[in-house]
Amino acid sequence: MPAIAIVEDNKALANTLREMVELIPDCSCAGVWHTGEDALVKIPAFGPDIVLMDINLPGIDGIETTAKLKQTMPTLQIIMFTVYLDHDKIFDALKAGACGYILKRSAATDLPRALADLAQGGAPMSPEIARRVVEAFYRPASAPTPPSTEELNLTKRESEILSLLSTGLANKEIADKLNISTETVRVHLKRIYEKLHVHSRTEAAMKYRDSRNR
């Protein structure tokens, strides 16, 4: 049963989120905190599996809180939960280590789906957020090309997998395109994460994006 922590400064909304989490089968609420400072103390102590993180927190904001938590708890999965739609905040959150990004106004429908996506190794995002990410990756003049293996120290196969991952394909879809097994994809992804010093599909895709924009 995944334990889910909530970091949200609006107490009424935080209570609503707690109720939503407790209604999802096989999920439990590990705790609710209203500031980044509290989250940095309590989350390592309670050890939840997943955190729903507001961006606009008093004091330390959600992006900085996420970055600090990922330094000490690299396997912690953090979903940003916010009203913000602009590219800078989306990518700042993802670079900080968030593995998903959903909008508050669509929480009732997006939250259960996001948790299911996360359990399957996905990077959950509200549809509007996903469109913004696609827009940022879009290059009208050319199709996506693998990053330099010299710069990222990747093998040819690892570069192919990273390129396909950055387009949003799931492991099975990558396996089908390359005519390999999903287990082989998982093994390659583990090596890619180690080489890029990242902990999630989203972080790996961001590093791919940065390498292409140099």
C-alpha atoms as a PDB file:
ATOM      1  CA  MET A   1       0.000   0.000   0.000  1.00  0.00           C
ATOM      2  CA  PRO A   2       1.692   3.259  -1.111  1.00  0.00           C
ATOM      3  CA  ALA A   3       1.797   5.955   1.572  1.00  0.00           C
ATOM      4  CA  ILE A   4       1.143   9.441   0.193  1.00  0.00           C
ATOM      5  CA  ALA A   5       2.176  12.690   1.884  1.00  0.00           C
ATOM      6  CA  ILE A   6       0.587  16.052   1.101  1.00  0.00           C
ATOM      7  CA  VAL A   7       2.340  19.426   1.199  1.00  0.00           C
ATOM      8  CA  GLU A   8      -0.237  22.177   0.678  1.00  0.00           C
ATOM      9  CA  ASP A   9      -0.551  25.526   2.483  1.00  0.00           C
ATOM     10  CA  ASN A  10      -4.315  25.874   1.896  1.00  0.00           C
ATOM     11  CA  LYS A  11      -5.664  23.877   4.842  1.00  0.00           C
ATOM     12  CA  ALA A  12      -9.130  23.331   3.373  1.00  0.00           C
ATOM     13  CA  LEU A  13      -7.657  22.025   0.118  1.00  0.00           C
ATOM     14  CA  ALA A  14      -5.151  19.908   2.044  1.00  0.00           C
ATOM     15  CA  ASN A  15      -8.001  18.240   3.936  1.00  0.00           C
ATOM     16  CA  THR A  16      -9.866  17.633   0.672  1.00  0.00           C
ATOM     17  CA  LEU A  17      -6.759  16.025  -0.798  1.00  0.00           C
ATOM     18  CA  ARG A  18      -6.396  13.803   2.260  1.00  0.00           C
ATOM     19  CA  GLU A  19      -9.992  12.626   1.812  1.00  0.00           C
ATOM     20  CA  MET A  20      -9.393  11.974  -1.897  1.00  0.00           C
ATOM     21  CA  VAL A  21      -6.256   9.941  -1.180  1.00  0.00           C
ATOM     22  CA  GLU A  22      -8.003   7.869   1.484  1.00  0.00           C
ATOM     23  CA  LEU A  23     -10.798   7.035  -0.971  1.00  0.00           C
ATOM     24  CA  ILE A  24      -8.347   5.576  -3.513  1.00  0.00           C
ATOM     25  CA  PRO A  25      -8.055   1.774  -3.088  1.00  0.00           C
ATOM     26  CA  ASP A  26      -4.759   0.541  -1.651  1.00  0.00           C
ATOM     27  CA  CYS A  27      -3.529   4.044  -0.749  1.00  0.00           C
ATOM     28  CA  SER A  28      -3.017   5.706   2.621  1.00  0.00           C
ATOM     29  CA  CYS A  29      -2.197   9.253   3.713  1.00  0.00           C
ATOM     30  CA  ALA A  30       1.168   9.462   5.490  1.00  0.00           C
ATOM     31  CA  GLY A  31       0.616  13.033   6.649  1.00  0.00           C
ATOM     32  CA  VAL A  32      -0.278  16.586   5.683  1.00  0.00           C
ATOM     33  CA  TRP A  33       2.092  19.533   6.061  1.00  0.00           C
ATOM     34  CA  HIS A  34       1.578  23.176   5.163  1.00  0.00           C
ATOM     35  CA  THR A  35       5.109  24.530   4.630  1.00  0.00           C
ATOM     36  CA  GLY A  36       8.276  23.412   2.874  1.00  0.00           C
ATOM     37  CA  GLU A  37      10.179  23.741   6.135  1.00  0.00           C
ATOM     38  CA  ASP A  38       7.863  21.249   7.866  1.00  0.00           C
ATOM     39  CA  ALA A  39       7.990  18.917   4.880  1.00  0.00           C
ATOM     40  CA  LEU A  40      11.806  18.812   4.943  1.00  0.00           C
ATOM     41  CA  VAL A  41      11.704  17.643   8.572  1.00  0.00           C
ATOM     42  CA  LYS A  42       8.630  15.396   8.584  1.00  0.00           C
ATOM     43  CA  ILE A  43       8.800  13.600   5.230  1.00  0.00           C
ATOM     44  CA  PRO A  44      12.193  11.922   5.887  1.00  0.00           C
ATOM     45  CA  ALA A  45      10.880  10.904   9.331  1.00  0.00           C
ATOM     46  CA  PHE A  46       7.599   9.435   8.038  1.00  0.00           C
ATOM     47  CA  GLY A  47       9.096   7.937   4.851  1.00  0.00           C
ATOM     48  CA  PRO A  48       6.145   8.146   2.413  1.00  0.00           C
ATOM     49  CA  ASP A  49       6.382   6.624  -1.053  1.00  0.00           C
ATOM     50  CA  ILE A  50       4.806   9.574  -2.890  1.00  0.00           C
ATOM     51  CA  VAL A  51       4.433  13.293  -2.176  1.00  0.00           C
ATOM     52  CA  LEU A  52       1.820  15.665  -3.605  1.00  0.00           C
ATOM     53  CA  MET A  53       3.699  18.984  -3.577  1.00  0.00           C
ATOM     54  CA  ASP A  54       2.209  22.455  -3.995  1.00  0.00           C
ATOM     55  CA  ILE A  55       4.524  24.938  -5.729  1.00  0.00           C
ATOM     56  CA  ASN A  56       3.388  28.194  -4.122  1.00  0.00           C
ATOM     57  CA  LEU A  57       4.296  27.548  -0.469  1.00  0.00           C
ATOM     58  CA  PRO A  58       5.140  30.226   2.111  1.00  0.00           C
ATOM     59  CA  GLY A  59       8.879  30.424   2.845  1.00  0.00           C
ATOM     60  CA  ILE A  60      10.678  27.677   0.910  1.00  0.00           C
ATOM     61  CA  ASP A  61       8.600  27.039  -2.217  1.00  0.00           C
ATOM     62  CA  GLY A  62       7.622  23.630  -3.532  1.00  0.00           C
ATOM     63  CA  ILE A  63      10.325  23.520  -6.212  1.00  0.00           C
ATOM     64  CA  GLU A  64      13.136  24.142  -3.733  1.00  0.00           C
ATOM     65  CA  THR A  65      11.550  21.734  -1.245  1.00  0.00           C
ATOM     66  CA  THR A  66      11.427  19.081  -3.970  1.00  0.00           C
ATOM     67  CA  ALA A  67      15.095  19.590  -4.857  1.00  0.00           C
ATOM     68  CA  LYS A  68      16.161  19.310  -1.195  1.00  0.00           C
ATOM     69  CA  LEU A  69      14.059  16.191  -0.589  1.00  0.00           C
ATOM     70  CA  LYS A  70      15.454  14.479  -3.697  1.00  0.00           C
ATOM     71  CA  GLN A  71      18.999  15.077  -2.442  1.00  0.00           C
ATOM     72  CA  THR A  72      18.337  13.085   0.719  1.00  0.00           C
ATOM     73  CA  MET A  73      15.607  10.725  -0.605  1.00  0.00           C
ATOM     74  CA  PRO A  74      16.481  10.078  -4.281  1.00  0.00           C
ATOM     75  CA  THR A  75      13.847   7.353  -4.753  1.00  0.00           C
ATOM     76  CA  LEU A  76      10.998   9.503  -3.390  1.00  0.00           C
ATOM     77  CA  GLN A  77       8.368  10.170  -6.060  1.00  0.00           C
ATOM     78  CA  ILE A  78       7.060  13.739  -6.048  1.00  0.00           C
ATOM     79  CA  ILE A  79       4.086  14.966  -8.059  1.00  0.00           C
ATOM     80  CA  MET A  80       3.737  18.740  -8.330  1.00  0.00           C
ATOM     81  CA  PHE A  81       0.202  19.875  -7.579  1.00  0.00           C
ATOM     82  CA  THR A  82      -0.380  23.437  -8.686  1.00  0.00           C
ATOM     83  CA  VAL A  83      -2.285  26.101 -10.621  1.00  0.00           C
ATOM     84  CA  TYR A  84       0.758  27.090 -12.708  1.00  0.00           C
ATOM     85  CA  LEU A  85       0.833  26.390 -16.452  1.00  0.00           C
ATOM     86  CA  ASP A  86       3.901  28.330 -17.640  1.00  0.00           C
ATOM     87  CA  HIS A  87       6.888  26.552 -19.163  1.00  0.00           C
ATOM     88  CA  ASP A  88       9.474  27.875 -16.699  1.00  0.00           C
ATOM     89  CA  LYS A  89       7.727  26.548 -13.603  1.00  0.00           C
ATOM     90  CA  ILE A  90       6.958  23.222 -15.275  1.00  0.00           C
ATOM     91  CA  PHE A  91      10.584  22.619 -16.264  1.00  0.00           C
ATOM     92  CA  ASP A  92      12.006  24.048 -13.024  1.00  0.00           C
ATOM     93  CA  ALA A  93       9.857  21.549 -11.115  1.00  0.00           C
ATOM     94  CA  LEU A  94      10.874  18.651 -13.347  1.00  0.00           C
ATOM     95  CA  LYS A  95      14.553  19.591 -13.135  1.00  0.00           C
ATOM     96  CA  ALA A  96      14.230  19.690  -9.338  1.00  0.00           C
ATOM     97  CA  GLY A  97      13.256  16.026  -9.453  1.00  0.00           C
ATOM     98  CA  ALA A  98       9.465  15.964  -9.753  1.00  0.00           C
ATOM     99  CA  CYS A  99       8.170  12.911 -11.617  1.00  0.00           C
ATOM    100  CA  GLY A 100       4.760  14.368 -12.486  1.00  0.00           C
ATOM    101  CA  TYR A 101       2.795  17.601 -12.670  1.00  0.00           C
ATOM    102  CA  ILE A 102      -0.989  17.903 -12.261  1.00  0.00           C
ATOM    103  CA  LEU A 103      -3.311  20.878 -12.021  1.00  0.00           C
ATOM    104  CA  LYS A 104      -5.386  21.576  -8.933  1.00  0.00           C
ATOM    105  CA  ARG A 105      -8.553  22.216 -10.883  1.00  0.00           C
ATOM    106  CA  SER A 106      -8.447  18.732 -12.378  1.00  0.00           C
ATOM    107  CA  ALA A 107      -7.372  16.852  -9.245  1.00  0.00           C
ATOM    108  CA  ALA A 108     -10.586  14.844  -8.877  1.00  0.00           C
ATOM    109  CA  THR A 109     -10.046  13.087 -12.215  1.00  0.00           C
ATOM    110  CA  ASP A 110      -6.262  13.360 -12.583  1.00  0.00           C
ATOM    111  CA  LEU A 111      -5.108  12.228  -9.125  1.00  0.00           C
ATOM    112  CA  PRO A 112      -6.272   8.570  -9.253  1.00  0.00           C
ATOM    113  CA  ARG A 113      -4.971   8.260 -12.823  1.00  0.00           C
ATOM    114  CA  ALA A 114      -1.661   9.890 -11.838  1.00  0.00           C
ATOM    115  CA  LEU A 115      -1.102   7.379  -9.045  1.00  0.00           C
ATOM    116  CA  ALA A 116      -1.920   4.499 -11.394  1.00  0.00           C
ATOM    117  CA  ASP A 117       0.508   5.894 -14.014  1.00  0.00           C
ATOM    118  CA  LEU A 118       3.201   6.240 -11.370  1.00  0.00           C
ATOM    119  CA  ALA A 119       2.761   2.615 -10.292  1.00  0.00           C
ATOM    120  CA  GLN A 120       3.410   1.558 -13.902  1.00  0.00           C
ATOM    121  CA  GLY A 121       6.590   3.607 -14.204  1.00  0.00           C
ATOM    122  CA  GLY A 122       4.996   6.582 -15.970  1.00  0.00           C
ATOM    123  CA  ALA A 123       5.368  10.332 -15.499  1.00  0.00           C
ATOM    124  CA  PRO A 124       1.809  11.541 -14.786  1.00  0.00           C
ATOM    125  CA  MET A 125       0.748  14.931 -16.106  1.00  0.00           C
ATOM    126  CA  SER A 126      -2.528  16.737 -16.640  1.00  0.00           C
ATOM    127  CA  PRO A 127      -3.327  16.859 -20.380  1.00  0.00           C
ATOM    128  CA  GLU A 128      -2.727  20.639 -20.491  1.00  0.00           C
ATOM    129  CA  ILE A 129       0.692  20.203 -18.886  1.00  0.00           C
ATOM    130  CA  ALA A 130       1.600  17.391 -21.283  1.00  0.00           C
ATOM    131  CA  ARG A 131       0.794  19.693 -24.204  1.00  0.00           C
ATOM    132  CA  ARG A 132       3.115  22.362 -22.805  1.00  0.00           C
ATOM    133  CA  VAL A 133       5.928  19.824 -22.480  1.00  0.00           C
ATOM    134  CA  VAL A 134       5.362  18.643 -26.058  1.00  0.00           C
ATOM    135  CA  GLU A 135       5.436  22.266 -27.260  1.00  0.00           C
ATOM    136  CA  ALA A 136       8.790  22.796 -25.566  1.00  0.00           C
ATOM    137  CA  PHE A 137      10.233  19.696 -27.238  1.00  0.00           C
ATOM    138  CA  TYR A 138       8.727  20.415 -30.646  1.00  0.00           C
ATOM    139  CA  ARG A 139      11.182  21.130 -33.447  1.00  0.00           C
ATOM    140  CA  PRO A 140       9.329  21.737 -36.743  1.00  0.00           C
ATOM    141  CA  ALA A 141      12.401  21.504 -38.988  1.00  0.00           C
ATOM    142  CA  SER A 142      13.615  18.040 -38.018  1.00  0.00           C
ATOM    143  CA  ALA A 143      12.679  14.800 -36.304  1.00  0.00           C
ATOM    144  CA  PRO A 144      14.167  13.979 -32.863  1.00  0.00           C
ATOM    145  CA  THR A 145      17.733  12.692 -33.052  1.00  0.00           C
ATOM    146  CA  PRO A 146      19.690  10.863 -30.371  1.00  0.00           C
ATOM    147  CA  PRO A 147      21.990  12.981 -28.171  1.00  0.00           C
ATOM    148  CA  SER A 148      25.721  12.807 -28.636  1.00  0.00           C
ATOM    149  CA  THR A 149      27.053   9.537 -27.211  1.00  0.00           C
ATOM    150  CA  GLU A 150      30.366  11.308 -26.593  1.00  0.00           C
ATOM    151  CA  GLU A 151      28.739  13.999 -24.435  1.00  0.00           C
ATOM    152  CA  LEU A 152      26.478  11.677 -22.462  1.00  0.00           C
ATOM    153  CA  ASN A 153      28.744   8.594 -22.543  1.00  0.00           C
ATOM    154  CA  LEU A 154      25.924   6.393 -23.821  1.00  0.00           C
ATOM    155  CA  THR A 155      26.032   3.394 -26.110  1.00  0.00           C
ATOM    156  CA  LYS A 156      24.174   3.537 -29.417  1.00  0.00           C
ATOM    157  CA  ARG A 157      21.310   1.437 -28.000  1.00  0.00           C
ATOM    158  CA  GLU A 158      21.080   3.572 -24.852  1.00  0.00           C
ATOM    159  CA  SER A 159      20.910   6.711 -27.014  1.00  0.00           C
ATOM    160  CA  GLU A 160      18.114   5.178 -29.106  1.00  0.00           C
ATOM    161  CA  ILE A 161      16.128   4.296 -25.988  1.00  0.00           C
ATOM    162  CA  LEU A 162      16.648   7.747 -24.451  1.00  0.00           C
ATOM    163  CA  SER A 163      15.523   9.406 -27.682  1.00  0.00           C
ATOM    164  CA  LEU A 164      12.313   7.334 -27.734  1.00  0.00           C
ATOM    165  CA  LEU A 165      11.719   7.871 -24.011  1.00  0.00           C
ATOM    166  CA  SER A 166      11.903  11.644 -24.541  1.00  0.00           C
ATOM    167  CA  THR A 167       8.966  11.440 -26.960  1.00  0.00           C
ATOM    168  CA  GLY A 168       6.775  10.010 -24.201  1.00  0.00           C
ATOM    169  CA  LEU A 169       6.792   6.329 -25.175  1.00  0.00           C
ATOM    170  CA  ALA A 170       6.245   3.714 -22.468  1.00  0.00           C
ATOM    171  CA  ASN A 171       8.680   0.821 -21.985  1.00  0.00           C
ATOM    172  CA  LYS A 172       6.550  -1.613 -24.003  1.00  0.00           C
ATOM    173  CA  GLU A 173       6.276   0.835 -26.913  1.00  0.00           C
ATOM    174  CA  ILE A 174      10.045   1.357 -26.894  1.00  0.00           C
ATOM    175  CA  ALA A 175      10.568  -2.412 -26.826  1.00  0.00           C
ATOM    176  CA  ASP A 176       8.219  -2.897 -29.776  1.00  0.00           C
ATOM    177  CA  LYS A 177       9.943  -0.201 -31.847  1.00  0.00           C
ATOM    178  CA  LEU A 178      13.410  -1.634 -31.213  1.00  0.00           C
ATOM    179  CA  ASN A 179      12.299  -5.291 -31.350  1.00  0.00           C
ATOM    180  CA  ILE A 180      13.642  -6.058 -27.872  1.00  0.00           C
ATOM    181  CA  SER A 181      12.009  -7.181 -24.620  1.00  0.00           C
ATOM    182  CA  THR A 182      10.591  -4.804 -22.013  1.00  0.00           C
ATOM    183  CA  GLU A 183      13.031  -6.307 -19.503  1.00  0.00           C
ATOM    184  CA  THR A 184      15.920  -5.308 -21.793  1.00  0.00           C
ATOM    185  CA  VAL A 185      14.504  -1.781 -21.937  1.00  0.00           C
ATOM    186  CA  ARG A 186      14.371  -1.657 -18.131  1.00  0.00           C
ATOM    187  CA  VAL A 187      17.994  -2.809 -17.868  1.00  0.00           C
ATOM    188  CA  HIS A 188      19.116  -0.154 -20.350  1.00  0.00           C
ATOM    189  CA  LEU A 189      17.105   2.528 -18.528  1.00  0.00           C
ATOM    190  CA  LYS A 190      18.793   1.639 -15.246  1.00  0.00           C
ATOM    191  CA  ARG A 191      22.200   2.097 -16.903  1.00  0.00           C
ATOM    192  CA  ILE A 192      21.068   5.364 -18.530  1.00  0.00           C
ATOM    193  CA  TYR A 193      19.920   6.742 -15.157  1.00  0.00           C
ATOM    194  CA  GLU A 194      23.276   5.809 -13.612  1.00  0.00           C
ATOM    195  CA  LYS A 195      25.268   7.456 -16.407  1.00  0.00           C
ATOM    196  CA  LEU A 196      23.165  10.625 -16.417  1.00  0.00           C
ATOM    197  CA  HIS A 197      22.973  10.760 -12.597  1.00  0.00           C
ATOM    198  CA  VAL A 198      19.173  10.944 -12.630  1.00  0.00           C
ATOM    199  CA  HIS A 199      16.416   9.017 -10.843  1.00  0.00           C
ATOM    200  CA  SER A 200      13.385   9.181 -13.127  1.00  0.00           C
ATOM    201  CA  ARG A 201      12.211   9.090 -16.739  1.00  0.00           C
ATOM    202  CA  THR A 202      11.368  12.790 -16.537  1.00  0.00           C
ATOM    203  CA  GLU A 203      14.854  13.791 -15.383  1.00  0.00           C
ATOM    204  CA  ALA A 204      16.409  11.666 -18.135  1.00  0.00           C
ATOM    205  CA  ALA A 205      14.175  13.312 -20.755  1.00  0.00           C
ATOM    206  CA  MET A 206      15.107  16.752 -19.418  1.00  0.00           C
ATOM    207  CA  LYS A 207      18.811  15.943 -19.705  1.00  0.00           C
ATOM    208  CA  TYR A 208      18.211  14.779 -23.275  1.00  0.00           C
ATOM    209  CA  ARG A 209      16.417  18.069 -24.014  1.00  0.00           C
ATOM    210  CA  ASP A 210      19.257  20.125 -22.516  1.00  0.00           C
ATOM    211  CA  SER A 211      21.871  18.249 -24.583  1.00  0.00           C
ATOM    212  CA  ARG A 212      19.976  19.043 -27.779  1.00  0.00           C
ATOM    213  CA  ASN A 213      19.667  22.746 -26.946  1.00  0.00           C
ATOM    214  CA  ARG A 214      23.409  23.322 -26.479  1.00  0.00           C
END
